[in-house]
C-alpha atoms as a PDB file:
ATOM      1  CA  MET A   1     180.417 139.697  31.380  1.00  0.00           C
ATOM      2  CA  ASP A   2     179.003 143.329  30.855  1.00  0.00           C
ATOM      3  CA  SER A   3     174.814 142.729  32.283  1.00  0.00           C
ATOM      4  CA  ARG A   4     173.649 144.267  28.668  1.00  0.00           C
ATOM      5  CA  LEU A   5     175.664 140.853  27.375  1.00  0.00           C
ATOM      6  CA  THR A   6     173.510 138.753  29.961  1.00  0.00           C
ATOM      7  CA  LYS A   7     170.799 140.321  29.067  1.00  0.00           C
ATOM      8  CA  ARG A   8     171.091 139.332  25.323  1.00  0.00           C
ATOM      9  CA  ILE A   9     172.249 136.106  25.018  1.00  0.00           C
ATOM     10  CA  ASN A  10     168.940 135.187  27.642  1.00  0.00           C
ATOM     11  CA  MET A  11     166.590 136.810  26.529  1.00  0.00           C
ATOM     12  CA  HIS A  12     168.065 135.019  22.879  1.00  0.00           C
ATOM     13  CA  LEU A  13     167.697 132.447  24.246  1.00  0.00           C
ATOM     14  CA  LEU A  14     164.373 132.702  24.674  1.00  0.00           C
ATOM     15  CA  ILE A  15     163.796 133.164  21.031  1.00  0.00           C
ATOM     16  CA  MET A  16     165.728 130.266  19.705  1.00  0.00           C
ATOM     17  CA  VAL A  17     163.326 128.404  22.150  1.00  0.00           C
ATOM     18  CA  LEU A  18     160.071 129.391  22.045  1.00  0.00           C
ATOM     19  CA  CYS A  19     160.710 128.699  17.987  1.00  0.00           C
ATOM     20  CA  CYS A  20     161.415 125.893  18.197  1.00  0.00           C
ATOM     21  CA  VAL A  21     158.564 124.683  21.163  1.00  0.00           C
ATOM     22  CA  ILE A  22     155.500 126.948  19.258  1.00  0.00           C
ATOM     23  CA  PRO A  23     156.086 124.712  15.642  1.00  0.00           C
ATOM     24  CA  ALA A  24     156.371 121.778  18.017  1.00  0.00           C
ATOM     25  CA  ALA A  25     153.357 122.270  19.752  1.00  0.00           C
ATOM     26  CA  ILE A  26     151.451 122.839  16.968  1.00  0.00           C
ATOM     27  CA  LEU A  27     152.733 119.629  14.804  1.00  0.00           C
ATOM     28  CA  THR A  28     151.841 118.187  18.314  1.00  0.00           C
ATOM     29  CA  ALA A  29     148.079 119.390  18.288  1.00  0.00           C
ATOM     30  CA  ILE A  30     147.695 118.626  14.551  1.00  0.00           C
ATOM     31  CA  PHE A  31     149.088 115.085  14.401  1.00  0.00           C
ATOM     32  CA  ILE A  32     149.629 113.692  18.149  1.00  0.00           C
ATOM     33  CA  LEU A  33     146.264 115.089  19.237  1.00  0.00           C
ATOM     34  CA  GLY A  34     143.945 115.368  15.776  1.00  0.00           C
ATOM     35  CA  ILE A  35     143.457 118.749  16.113  1.00  0.00           C
ATOM     36  CA  PRO A  36     142.320 120.268  12.204  1.00  0.00           C
ATOM     37  CA  ALA A  37     144.780 121.947  10.831  1.00  0.00           C
ATOM     38  CA  SER A  38     142.387 124.706   9.581  1.00  0.00           C
ATOM     39  CA  SER A  39     142.083 125.378  13.162  1.00  0.00           C
ATOM     40  CA  VAL A  40     145.605 125.290  14.670  1.00  0.00           C
ATOM     41  CA  LEU A  41     145.557 127.566  12.064  1.00  0.00           C
ATOM     42  CA  PHE A  42     143.195 129.872  12.511  1.00  0.00           C
ATOM     43  CA  TYR A  43     143.799 130.440  16.749  1.00  0.00           C
ATOM     44  CA  GLY A  44     147.297 130.992  15.732  1.00  0.00           C
ATOM     45  CA  LEU A  45     146.530 133.869  13.662  1.00  0.00           C
ATOM     46  CA  ILE A  46     144.431 135.444  15.536  1.00  0.00           C
ATOM     47  CA  LEU A  47     146.894 134.973  18.578  1.00  0.00           C
ATOM     48  CA  LEU A  48     149.542 136.391  16.402  1.00  0.00           C
ATOM     49  CA  CYS A  49     147.659 140.130  16.119  1.00  0.00           C
ATOM     50  CA  PRO A  50     147.892 140.229  20.271  1.00  0.00           C
ATOM     51  CA  LEU A  51     151.347 139.560  20.466  1.00  0.00           C
ATOM     52  CA  VAL A  52     152.822 140.800  17.933  1.00  0.00           C
ATOM     53  CA  HIS A  53     151.266 143.861  18.298  1.00  0.00           C
ATOM     54  CA  LEU A  54     152.750 143.839  22.041  1.00  0.00           C
ATOM     55  CA  LEU A  55     157.016 143.619  20.642  1.00  0.00           C
ATOM     56  CA  MET A  56     156.313 146.115  18.229  1.00  0.00           C
ATOM     57  CA  MET A  57     154.725 148.386  21.291  1.00  0.00           C
ATOM     58  CA  ARG A  58     157.963 147.110  23.132  1.00  0.00           C
ATOM     59  CA  GLY A  59     160.674 148.037  20.661  1.00  0.00           C
ATOM     60  CA  MET A  60     158.431 151.728  20.680  1.00  0.00           C
ATOM     61  CA  MET A  61     159.396 152.082  23.808  1.00  0.00           C
ATOM     62  CA  SER A  62     162.829 150.496  24.058  1.00  0.00           C
ATOM     63  CA  GLY A  63     163.470 153.005  21.143  1.00  0.00           C
ATOM     64  CA  GLY A  64     163.925 149.932  18.731  1.00  0.00           C
ATOM     65  CA  GLY A  65     167.167 151.135  17.559  1.00  0.00           C
ATOM     66  CA  HIS A  66     165.368 153.896  15.657  1.00  0.00           C
ATOM     67  CA  SER A  67     167.407 157.761  15.233  1.00  0.00           C
ATOM     68  CA  HIS A  68     165.938 160.981  14.252  1.00  0.00           C
ATOM     69  CA  SER A  69     169.209 162.527  13.746  1.00  0.00           C
ATOM     70  CA  HIS A  70     168.689 162.655   9.255  1.00  0.00           C
ATOM     71  CA  GLU A  71     165.642 164.404  10.027  1.00  0.00           C
ATOM     72  CA  LEU A  72     165.623 167.561   8.512  1.00  0.00           C
ATOM     73  CA  PRO A  73     164.886 170.569  10.319  1.00  0.00           C
ATOM     74  CA  THR A  74     161.652 172.683  10.968  1.00  0.00           C
ATOM     75  CA  ARG A  75     161.272 176.580  10.806  1.00  0.00           C
ATOM     76  CA  ALA A  76     160.125 176.593  14.299  1.00  0.00           C
ATOM     77  CA  THR A  77     163.750 174.671  15.005  1.00  0.00           C
ATOM     78  CA  ALA A  78     165.237 176.795  12.339  1.00  0.00           C
ATOM     79  CA  GLU A  79     163.437 180.158  14.185  1.00  0.00           C
ATOM     80  CA  MET A  80     163.809 178.792  17.415  1.00  0.00           C
ATOM     81  CA  ALA A  81     168.539 178.891  16.560  1.00  0.00           C
ATOM     82  CA  ALA A  82     168.263 181.982  14.808  1.00  0.00           C
ATOM     83  CA  ALA A  83     166.395 183.461  17.814  1.00  0.00           C
ATOM     84  CA  GLU A  84     169.348 182.809  20.309  1.00  0.00           C
ATOM     85  CA  SER A  85     172.670 183.680  17.628  1.00  0.00           C
ATOM     86  CA  GLY A  86     170.294 187.346  16.023  1.00  0.00           C
ATOM     87  CA  GLU A  87     170.367 185.831  13.047  1.00  0.00           C
ATOM     88  CA  THR A  88     167.398 185.871  10.640  1.00  0.00           C
ATOM     89  CA  VAL A  89     165.519 182.709   8.950  1.00  0.00           C
ATOM     90  CA  LYS A  90     166.971 181.500   6.081  1.00  0.00           C
ATOM     91  CA  ALA A  91     163.905 180.046   3.719  1.00  0.00           C
ATOM     92  CA  LEU A  92     163.524 176.694   4.267  1.00  0.00           C
ATOM     93  CA  PRO A  93     161.490 174.263   1.798  1.00  0.00           C
ATOM     94  CA  GLU A  94     158.048 173.046   3.009  1.00  0.00           C
ATOM     95  CA  LYS A  95     158.642 169.767   2.529  1.00  0.00           C
ATOM     96  CA  THR A  96     161.489 169.692   5.788  1.00  0.00           C
ATOM     97  CA  SER A  97     161.054 166.030   6.429  1.00  0.00           C
ATOM     98  CA  CYS A  98     162.351 163.210   4.798  1.00  0.00           C
ATOM     99  CA  HIS A  99     159.654 159.912   5.337  1.00  0.00           C
END
Protein backbone atom coordinates (compact mmCIF):
# COMPACT_ATOMS: atom_id res chain seq x y z
CA MET A 1 0.00 0.00 0.00
CA ASP A 2 1.05 3.57 -0.62
CA SER A 3 2.43 5.28 2.50
CA ARG A 4 0.12 8.29 1.99
CA LEU A 5 -2.88 5.99 1.84
CA THR A 6 -1.74 4.18 4.98
CA LYS A 7 -1.31 7.52 6.76
CA ARG A 8 -4.82 8.61 5.72
CA ILE A 9 -6.30 5.31 6.91
CA ASN A 10 -4.51 5.62 10.25
CA MET A 11 -5.71 9.24 10.65
CA HIS A 12 -9.27 8.20 9.82
CA LEU A 13 -9.07 5.38 12.36
CA LEU A 14 -7.78 7.78 15.02
CA ILE A 15 -10.61 10.23 14.36
CA MET A 16 -13.18 7.42 14.55
CA VAL A 17 -11.76 6.17 17.86
CA LEU A 18 -11.74 9.69 19.32
CA CYS A 19 -15.32 10.26 18.20
CA CYS A 20 -16.33 7.13 20.13
CA VAL A 21 -14.11 7.53 23.20
CA ILE A 22 -14.86 11.19 23.91
CA PRO A 23 -18.67 10.80 24.13
CA ALA A 24 -18.21 7.62 26.20
CA ALA A 25 -15.93 9.52 28.60
CA ILE A 26 -18.47 12.34 28.85
CA LEU A 27 -21.32 9.95 29.61
CA THR A 28 -19.14 8.11 32.16
CA ALA A 29 -18.30 11.40 33.88
CA ILE A 30 -21.96 12.38 34.06
CA PHE A 31 -23.65 9.11 35.03
CA ILE A 32 -21.06 6.99 36.82
CA LEU A 33 -18.84 9.59 38.48
CA GLY A 34 -21.76 11.92 39.23
CA ILE A 35 -20.16 15.06 37.78
CA PRO A 36 -22.86 17.65 36.91
CA ALA A 37 -23.61 17.88 33.19
CA SER A 38 -23.26 21.67 33.31
CA SER A 39 -19.65 21.34 34.53
CA VAL A 40 -18.81 18.79 31.83
CA LEU A 41 -20.33 21.06 29.20
CA PHE A 42 -18.55 24.15 30.54
CA TYR A 43 -15.10 22.56 30.64
CA GLY A 44 -15.74 20.77 27.35
CA LEU A 45 -16.40 24.11 25.64
CA ILE A 46 -13.25 25.58 27.20
CA LEU A 47 -11.19 22.66 25.86
CA LEU A 48 -12.92 22.78 22.48
CA CYS A 49 -11.57 26.26 21.68
CA PRO A 50 -7.83 25.39 21.63
CA LEU A 51 -8.55 22.04 19.98
CA VAL A 52 -10.37 23.66 17.07
CA HIS A 53 -7.63 26.28 16.84
CA LEU A 54 -4.99 23.56 16.50
CA LEU A 55 -7.02 21.75 13.85
CA MET A 56 -7.48 24.95 11.85
CA MET A 57 -3.78 25.77 12.06
CA ARG A 58 -2.92 22.26 10.91
CA GLY A 59 -5.24 22.71 7.94
CA MET A 60 -3.69 26.04 7.07
CA MET A 61 -0.14 24.70 7.29
CA SER A 62 -0.90 21.76 5.02
CA GLY A 63 -2.73 23.95 2.53
CA GLY A 64 -6.07 22.45 3.40
CA GLY A 65 -6.61 21.50 -0.23
CA HIS A 66 -7.47 25.11 -1.06
CA SER A 67 -6.20 26.35 -4.38
CA HIS A 68 -5.80 30.01 -5.24
CA SER A 69 -5.73 29.35 -8.97
CA HIS A 70 -9.22 30.85 -9.41
CA GLU A 71 -8.13 34.30 -8.29
CA LEU A 72 -7.95 37.06 -10.83
CA PRO A 73 -4.57 38.67 -11.53
CA THR A 74 -3.68 41.85 -9.69
CA ARG A 75 -2.48 44.96 -11.44
CA ALA A 76 1.09 44.29 -10.24
CA THR A 77 1.17 40.80 -11.77
CA ALA A 78 -0.33 42.17 -15.01
CA GLU A 79 2.33 44.89 -15.14
CA MET A 80 5.11 42.37 -14.53
CA ALA A 81 3.81 40.05 -17.25
CA ALA A 82 3.47 42.96 -19.67
CA ALA A 83 7.00 44.18 -18.90
CA GLU A 84 8.41 40.71 -19.63
CA SER A 85 6.57 40.39 -22.93
CA GLY A 86 6.96 44.03 -23.99
CA GLU A 87 3.20 44.65 -24.17
CA THR A 88 1.19 47.48 -22.65
CA VAL A 89 -1.00 46.94 -19.60
CA LYS A 90 -4.73 46.91 -20.20
CA ALA A 91 -6.99 48.47 -17.58
CA LEU A 92 -7.96 46.03 -14.86
CA PRO A 93 -10.98 46.49 -12.60
CA GLU A 94 -10.29 47.79 -9.10
CA LYS A 95 -11.75 44.72 -7.35
CA THR A 96 -9.52 41.89 -8.54
CA SER A 97 -10.33 39.07 -6.14
CA CYS A 98 -13.25 36.69 -6.33
CA HIS A 99 -13.44 36.42 -2.50
